[in-house]
Amino acid sequence: MGMEAEIPAITKAIDGLYVMNGNDRLKELARMREKAMHDRASELEEAILTGEERGIAKGMEKGLKKGIEKGIEKGMEKLIYGMRAAGFTEEQIAAAVKATKNGI
């Protein structure tokens, strides 16, 4: 925005202040408007913080779930490797994996 555009806006604002300065009702309306704008900004800030907190909690929940799944997967890989090293057949390993996945 150029200086030419700013000067009329500033002049208009100053003129408005002069008018308000002599009018108690306008001053009260301006104060109420300022308070409403401040209250709205506070509400928006609170909503943003609440949203961030929810997002962090959701992310942690998903991360934990993903970590547990990866841990189980790695445990199964070690189980299979250990069973193969111990000489179990593929059928025995498959049965053990199935039983483990079914919670037995």
Foldseek 3Di string as FASTA:
>chain_A
DDPVVVVVVVVVVVVVCVVCVVPVVSVVVVVVVVVVVVVVVVVVVVVVVVVVVVVVVVVVVVVVVVVVVVVVVVVLVVVLVVCVVVPHDPVVSVVVVVCVVVPD
